[in-house]
C-alpha atoms as a PDB file:
ATOM      1  CA  MET A   1    -121.916 168.819 175.861  1.00  0.00           C
ATOM      2  CA  ALA A   2    -118.268 168.157 174.129  1.00  0.00           C
ATOM      3  CA  PRO A   3    -118.312 164.453 176.333  1.00  0.00           C
ATOM      4  CA  LEU A   4    -121.734 163.488 174.241  1.00  0.00           C
ATOM      5  CA  LEU A   5    -120.047 164.426 171.148  1.00  0.00           C
ATOM      6  CA  ARG A   6    -116.841 162.517 170.885  1.00  0.00           C
ATOM      7  CA  GLY A   7    -116.508 161.164 166.676  1.00  0.00           C
ATOM      8  CA  LYS A   8    -117.493 161.993 163.666  1.00  0.00           C
ATOM      9  CA  ILE A   9    -120.169 159.675 161.564  1.00  0.00           C
ATOM     10  CA  ARG A  10    -118.140 158.249 159.076  1.00  0.00           C
ATOM     11  CA  GLU A  11    -120.838 159.215 155.942  1.00  0.00           C
ATOM     12  CA  ASP A  12    -118.705 157.506 152.709  1.00  0.00           C
ATOM     13  CA  TYR A  13    -118.809 153.868 155.357  1.00  0.00           C
ATOM     14  CA  ILE A  14    -122.316 154.281 155.472  1.00  0.00           C
ATOM     15  CA  LEU A  15    -122.644 154.935 151.898  1.00  0.00           C
ATOM     16  CA  LYS A  16    -120.223 152.046 150.752  1.00  0.00           C
ATOM     17  CA  HIS A  17    -122.430 149.798 152.198  1.00  0.00           C
ATOM     18  CA  SER A  18    -125.497 151.164 151.481  1.00  0.00           C
ATOM     19  CA  SER A  19    -126.716 148.609 148.300  1.00  0.00           C
ATOM     20  CA  GLU A  20    -126.312 146.042 151.819  1.00  0.00           C
ATOM     21  CA  MET A  21    -128.167 148.469 154.267  1.00  0.00           C
ATOM     22  CA  LEU A  22    -130.559 148.389 151.466  1.00  0.00           C
ATOM     23  CA  ARG A  23    -131.258 144.713 151.166  1.00  0.00           C
ATOM     24  CA  VAL A  24    -131.453 144.292 154.979  1.00  0.00           C
ATOM     25  CA  ALA A  25    -134.540 147.383 154.589  1.00  0.00           C
ATOM     26  CA  GLY A  26    -135.457 145.382 152.309  1.00  0.00           C
ATOM     27  CA  SER A  27    -135.964 141.951 153.687  1.00  0.00           C
ATOM     28  CA  ILE A  28    -137.882 143.181 156.663  1.00  0.00           C
ATOM     29  CA  LYS A  29    -140.068 144.930 154.611  1.00  0.00           C
ATOM     30  CA  MET A  30    -141.050 142.309 152.739  1.00  0.00           C
ATOM     31  CA  GLY A  31    -141.478 140.147 156.231  1.00  0.00           C
ATOM     32  CA  TRP A  32    -138.214 137.796 155.241  1.00  0.00           C
ATOM     33  CA  VAL A  33    -136.651 138.473 158.587  1.00  0.00           C
ATOM     34  CA  SER A  34    -138.268 139.945 161.426  1.00  0.00           C
ATOM     35  CA  SER A  35    -135.970 142.986 162.673  1.00  0.00           C
ATOM     36  CA  SER A  36    -135.705 141.578 166.179  1.00  0.00           C
ATOM     37  CA  LEU A  37    -133.569 138.411 164.874  1.00  0.00           C
ATOM     38  CA  LEU A  38    -131.831 140.821 163.241  1.00  0.00           C
ATOM     39  CA  VAL A  39    -130.726 142.706 166.129  1.00  0.00           C
ATOM     40  CA  SER A  40    -130.228 139.979 167.921  1.00  0.00           C
ATOM     41  CA  LYS A  41    -127.514 138.827 164.977  1.00  0.00           C
ATOM     42  CA  ILE A  42    -126.369 141.778 165.003  1.00  0.00           C
ATOM     43  CA  GLN A  43    -125.810 142.251 168.739  1.00  0.00           C
ATOM     44  CA  SER A  44    -124.280 138.281 168.163  1.00  0.00           C
ATOM     45  CA  SER A  45    -121.680 139.032 165.991  1.00  0.00           C
ATOM     46  CA  THR A  46    -118.470 139.259 166.999  1.00  0.00           C
ATOM     47  CA  GLY A  47    -116.678 141.543 164.041  1.00  0.00           C
ATOM     48  CA  ILE A  48    -118.389 143.665 162.264  1.00  0.00           C
ATOM     49  CA  ASN A  49    -119.626 142.097 159.237  1.00  0.00           C
ATOM     50  CA  ASN A  50    -120.880 143.963 155.891  1.00  0.00           C
ATOM     51  CA  SER A  51    -124.856 144.695 157.553  1.00  0.00           C
ATOM     52  CA  ALA A  52    -123.666 145.440 161.400  1.00  0.00           C
ATOM     53  CA  GLY A  53    -120.970 147.845 160.797  1.00  0.00           C
ATOM     54  CA  PRO A  54    -123.134 149.850 158.555  1.00  0.00           C
ATOM     55  CA  LEU A  55    -126.059 149.587 160.892  1.00  0.00           C
ATOM     56  CA  ARG A  56    -124.216 151.283 163.423  1.00  0.00           C
ATOM     57  CA  GLU A  57    -123.428 153.366 162.079  1.00  0.00           C
ATOM     58  CA  TYR A  58    -126.316 154.861 160.868  1.00  0.00           C
ATOM     59  CA  GLY A  59    -128.123 154.788 163.811  1.00  0.00           C
ATOM     60  CA  ARG A  60    -125.255 156.883 165.482  1.00  0.00           C
ATOM     61  CA  ILE A  61    -127.020 159.673 163.596  1.00  0.00           C
ATOM     62  CA  ASP A  62    -130.560 158.557 164.862  1.00  0.00           C
ATOM     63  CA  LYS A  63    -128.036 158.149 168.416  1.00  0.00           C
ATOM     64  CA  THR A  64    -127.019 162.330 167.555  1.00  0.00           C
ATOM     65  CA  ILE A  65    -130.243 163.864 166.622  1.00  0.00           C
ATOM     66  CA  HIS A  66    -131.769 162.622 170.019  1.00  0.00           C
ATOM     67  CA  ILE A  67    -129.650 163.913 172.308  1.00  0.00           C
ATOM     68  CA  LEU A  68    -129.604 167.365 170.599  1.00  0.00           C
ATOM     69  CA  LYS A  69    -132.925 167.307 170.699  1.00  0.00           C
ATOM     70  CA  TYR A  70    -133.176 165.771 174.831  1.00  0.00           C
ATOM     71  CA  ILE A  71    -130.890 168.982 175.009  1.00  0.00           C
ATOM     72  CA  SER A  72    -132.665 171.656 173.477  1.00  0.00           C
ATOM     73  CA  ASP A  73    -136.565 170.594 173.695  1.00  0.00           C
ATOM     74  CA  GLU A  74    -137.719 171.135 177.249  1.00  0.00           C
ATOM     75  CA  LYS A  75    -141.041 169.469 175.887  1.00  0.00           C
ATOM     76  CA  TYR A  76    -138.835 166.274 174.301  1.00  0.00           C
ATOM     77  CA  GLN A  77    -137.542 165.762 177.934  1.00  0.00           C
ATOM     78  CA  LYS A  78    -141.028 165.977 179.008  1.00  0.00           C
ATOM     79  CA  LYS A  79    -142.827 163.366 177.203  1.00  0.00           C
ATOM     80  CA  ILE A  80    -139.444 160.754 177.241  1.00  0.00           C
ATOM     81  CA  GLY A  81    -139.663 162.011 181.360  1.00  0.00           C
ATOM     82  CA  LYS A  82    -143.427 160.352 180.911  1.00  0.00           C
ATOM     83  CA  GLN A  83    -142.423 157.116 178.666  1.00  0.00           C
ATOM     84  CA  LEU A  84    -139.566 156.223 181.598  1.00  0.00           C
ATOM     85  CA  ASN A  85    -142.185 157.173 184.720  1.00  0.00           C
ATOM     86  CA  LYS A  86    -144.288 154.536 182.822  1.00  0.00           C
ATOM     87  CA  GLY A  87    -141.552 151.666 182.686  1.00  0.00           C
ATOM     88  CA  GLU A  88    -141.075 152.184 186.120  1.00  0.00           C
ATOM     89  CA  ALA A  89    -144.539 152.131 186.849  1.00  0.00           C
ATOM     90  CA  ILE A  90    -144.837 149.006 185.513  1.00  0.00           C
ATOM     91  CA  HIS A  91    -141.696 147.462 186.941  1.00  0.00           C
ATOM     92  CA  THR A  92    -142.933 148.727 190.577  1.00  0.00           C
ATOM     93  CA  LEU A  93    -146.807 146.629 190.042  1.00  0.00           C
ATOM     94  CA  GLU A  94    -144.578 143.510 188.899  1.00  0.00           C
ATOM     95  CA  GLN A  95    -142.054 144.453 191.764  1.00  0.00           C
ATOM     96  CA  PHE A  96    -145.788 144.532 194.124  1.00  0.00           C
ATOM     97  CA  ILE A  97    -146.987 141.378 192.509  1.00  0.00           C
ATOM     98  CA  SER A  98    -143.925 139.202 192.737  1.00  0.00           C
ATOM     99  CA  PHE A  99    -143.212 139.817 196.732  1.00  0.00           C
ATOM    100  CA  CYS A 100    -141.744 137.284 198.159  1.00  0.00           C
ATOM    101  CA  ASN A 101    -138.182 136.370 197.408  1.00  0.00           C
ATOM    102  CA  GLU A 102    -137.707 140.168 197.283  1.00  0.00           C
ATOM    103  CA  SER A 103    -138.885 139.521 193.848  1.00  0.00           C
ATOM    104  CA  LYS A 104    -135.894 137.477 192.954  1.00  0.00           C
ATOM    105  CA  VAL A 105    -136.211 134.470 191.027  1.00  0.00           C
ATOM    106  CA  ARG A 106    -135.021 131.725 193.070  1.00  0.00           C
ATOM    107  CA  VAL A 107    -135.097 128.187 190.859  1.00  0.00           C
ATOM    108  CA  ALA A 108    -132.536 127.174 188.490  1.00  0.00           C
ATOM    109  CA  ASP A 109    -134.243 125.122 185.912  1.00  0.00           C
ATOM    110  CA  PRO A 110    -135.108 127.197 182.513  1.00  0.00           C
ATOM    111  CA  GLU A 111    -138.214 125.408 182.637  1.00  0.00           C
ATOM    112  CA  ASP A 112    -139.550 127.217 185.938  1.00  0.00           C
ATOM    113  CA  GLN A 113    -137.776 130.464 185.554  1.00  0.00           C
ATOM    114  CA  GLN A 114    -140.413 130.540 182.261  1.00  0.00           C
ATOM    115  CA  LEU A 115    -143.058 129.481 184.248  1.00  0.00           C
ATOM    116  CA  GLN A 116    -142.290 132.286 187.069  1.00  0.00           C
ATOM    117  CA  ALA A 117    -141.700 135.065 184.869  1.00  0.00           C
ATOM    118  CA  SER A 118    -145.283 133.939 182.455  1.00  0.00           C
ATOM    119  CA  CYS A 119    -147.235 133.378 185.823  1.00  0.00           C
ATOM    120  CA  LEU A 120    -145.724 137.206 186.684  1.00  0.00           C
ATOM    121  CA  ASN A 121    -146.698 138.233 183.262  1.00  0.00           C
ATOM    122  CA  LEU A 122    -150.055 136.936 183.438  1.00  0.00           C
ATOM    123  CA  MET A 123    -151.293 138.589 187.271  1.00  0.00           C
ATOM    124  CA  THR A 124    -149.407 142.099 185.754  1.00  0.00           C
ATOM    125  CA  ASN A 125    -150.993 141.433 182.210  1.00  0.00           C
ATOM    126  CA  ALA A 126    -154.412 140.814 184.305  1.00  0.00           C
ATOM    127  CA  VAL A 127    -154.290 144.075 187.242  1.00  0.00           C
ATOM    128  CA  ILE A 128    -153.591 146.343 184.083  1.00  0.00           C
ATOM    129  CA  ALA A 129    -156.655 145.100 181.715  1.00  0.00           C
ATOM    130  CA  TRP A 130    -158.779 145.271 184.754  1.00  0.00           C
ATOM    131  CA  ASN A 131    -157.530 149.029 186.309  1.00  0.00           C
ATOM    132  CA  THR A 132    -157.862 150.250 182.601  1.00  0.00           C
ATOM    133  CA  VAL A 133    -161.527 148.458 182.770  1.00  0.00           C
ATOM    134  CA  TYR A 134    -162.350 150.827 185.788  1.00  0.00           C
ATOM    135  CA  MET A 135    -160.651 153.741 184.510  1.00  0.00           C
ATOM    136  CA  TRP A 136    -162.331 153.722 181.346  1.00  0.00           C
ATOM    137  CA  LEU A 137    -166.567 153.301 183.746  1.00  0.00           C
ATOM    138  CA  ALA A 138    -165.108 156.150 186.065  1.00  0.00           C
ATOM    139  CA  ILE A 139    -163.886 158.473 182.303  1.00  0.00           C
ATOM    140  CA  ASN A 140    -167.032 158.139 180.901  1.00  0.00           C
ATOM    141  CA  HIS A 141    -168.973 158.344 184.428  1.00  0.00           C
ATOM    142  CA  LEU A 142    -167.412 161.935 184.774  1.00  0.00           C
ATOM    143  CA  LYS A 143    -168.191 162.544 180.757  1.00  0.00           C
ATOM    144  CA  ASN A 144    -171.692 161.733 181.726  1.00  0.00           C
ATOM    145  CA  ASN A 145    -172.209 164.504 184.521  1.00  0.00           C
ATOM    146  CA  GLY A 146    -170.591 167.003 182.620  1.00  0.00           C
ATOM    147  CA  HIS A 147    -166.705 167.308 183.433  1.00  0.00           C
ATOM    148  CA  THR A 148    -164.542 167.714 180.556  1.00  0.00           C
ATOM    149  CA  ILE A 149    -161.045 165.424 180.074  1.00  0.00           C
ATOM    150  CA  THR A 150    -159.503 165.998 177.004  1.00  0.00           C
ATOM    151  CA  ASP A 151    -157.925 162.608 175.400  1.00  0.00           C
ATOM    152  CA  ASN A 152    -154.049 165.018 177.040  1.00  0.00           C
ATOM    153  CA  GLU A 153    -155.348 164.009 180.020  1.00  0.00           C
ATOM    154  CA  ILE A 154    -156.067 160.288 179.262  1.00  0.00           C
ATOM    155  CA  SER A 155    -152.872 160.269 178.534  1.00  0.00           C
ATOM    156  CA  ASN A 156    -151.365 160.769 181.488  1.00  0.00           C
ATOM    157  CA  PHE A 157    -153.715 158.373 183.711  1.00  0.00           C
ATOM    158  CA  SER A 158    -151.618 155.149 184.037  1.00  0.00           C
ATOM    159  CA  PRO A 159    -152.776 151.759 184.481  1.00  0.00           C
ATOM    160  CA  CYS A 160    -150.631 150.784 186.514  1.00  0.00           C
ATOM    161  CA  ARG A 161    -152.370 151.926 189.957  1.00  0.00           C
ATOM    162  CA  ILE A 162    -151.636 149.216 193.238  1.00  0.00           C
ATOM    163  CA  GLU A 163    -153.169 151.293 195.800  1.00  0.00           C
ATOM    164  CA  HIS A 164    -156.501 149.166 195.926  1.00  0.00           C
ATOM    165  CA  ILE A 165    -155.217 145.892 195.666  1.00  0.00           C
ATOM    166  CA  ASN A 166    -155.080 143.304 198.220  1.00  0.00           C
ATOM    167  CA  ARG A 167    -152.030 141.547 197.493  1.00  0.00           C
ATOM    168  CA  PHE A 168    -152.709 138.991 200.597  1.00  0.00           C
ATOM    169  CA  GLY A 169    -156.041 138.820 199.972  1.00  0.00           C
ATOM    170  CA  LYS A 170    -158.582 135.622 198.107  1.00  0.00           C
ATOM    171  CA  LEU A 171    -158.783 135.462 194.941  1.00  0.00           C
ATOM    172  CA  VAL A 172    -162.761 134.112 193.972  1.00  0.00           C
ATOM    173  CA  PHE A 173    -163.454 132.518 190.611  1.00  0.00           C
ATOM    174  CA  HIS A 174    -167.176 131.373 190.072  1.00  0.00           C
ATOM    175  CA  SER A 175    -166.960 129.899 186.326  1.00  0.00           C
ATOM    176  CA  LYS A 176    -170.812 129.468 186.331  1.00  0.00           C
ATOM    177  CA  LYS A 177    -171.658 132.976 187.509  1.00  0.00           C
ATOM    178  CA  ARG A 178    -171.804 135.353 184.809  1.00  0.00           C
ATOM    179  CA  SER A 179    -168.975 137.948 186.553  1.00  0.00           C
ATOM    180  CA  ARG A 180    -169.774 142.027 187.731  1.00  0.00           C
ATOM    181  CA  LEU A 181    -168.285 144.856 187.518  1.00  0.00           C
ATOM    182  CA  ARG A 182    -168.278 146.911 191.280  1.00  0.00           C
ATOM    183  CA  PRO A 183    -169.624 150.134 191.506  1.00  0.00           C
ATOM    184  CA  LEU A 184    -166.759 153.098 191.567  1.00  0.00           C
ATOM    185  CA  GLN A 185    -165.628 154.782 194.468  1.00  0.00           C
ATOM    186  CA  SER A 186    -166.393 158.471 194.586  1.00  0.00           C
ATOM    187  CA  LEU A 187    -162.554 159.851 195.796  1.00  0.00           C
ATOM    188  CA  LYS A 188    -161.940 161.241 198.818  1.00  0.00           C
END
């Protein structure tokens, strides 16, 4: 563990600047500043200012606790692994959808880049929503037929499945027709 634990947390430094840290926390709590804006300001600061330095130092406490918990707790390792796998599943889905140009953004104009990213987000969300509807239908079908499905089992499901998607197919939308869901297919 020696390579992971390289330094010491400066408690005195955190305590010295605690009033500034409380002011920042209060500003976030009261909605005067968003946490994302605060993080971007801290990351862009060239020198360590009165807010950034103590907050970074305080963050090292959480980082240390996380590392120690990860090393010593196999259940925690599995939980982190599950979350990482969910993130990777979304990336796999996005790569599957955006297969042209090897999933690279190849336009120079920032507006076109934003448009391409927005289209990818829209399609990704559409697939996830579609899959979620059918997963819910399948779960209810199984429950109605006497199967027991626990919340823990459901937490392992992923709406990022791609096996059933024909990315080269036609998309036909009938705006005047009320859409009907396709029947569930049985597992083979």
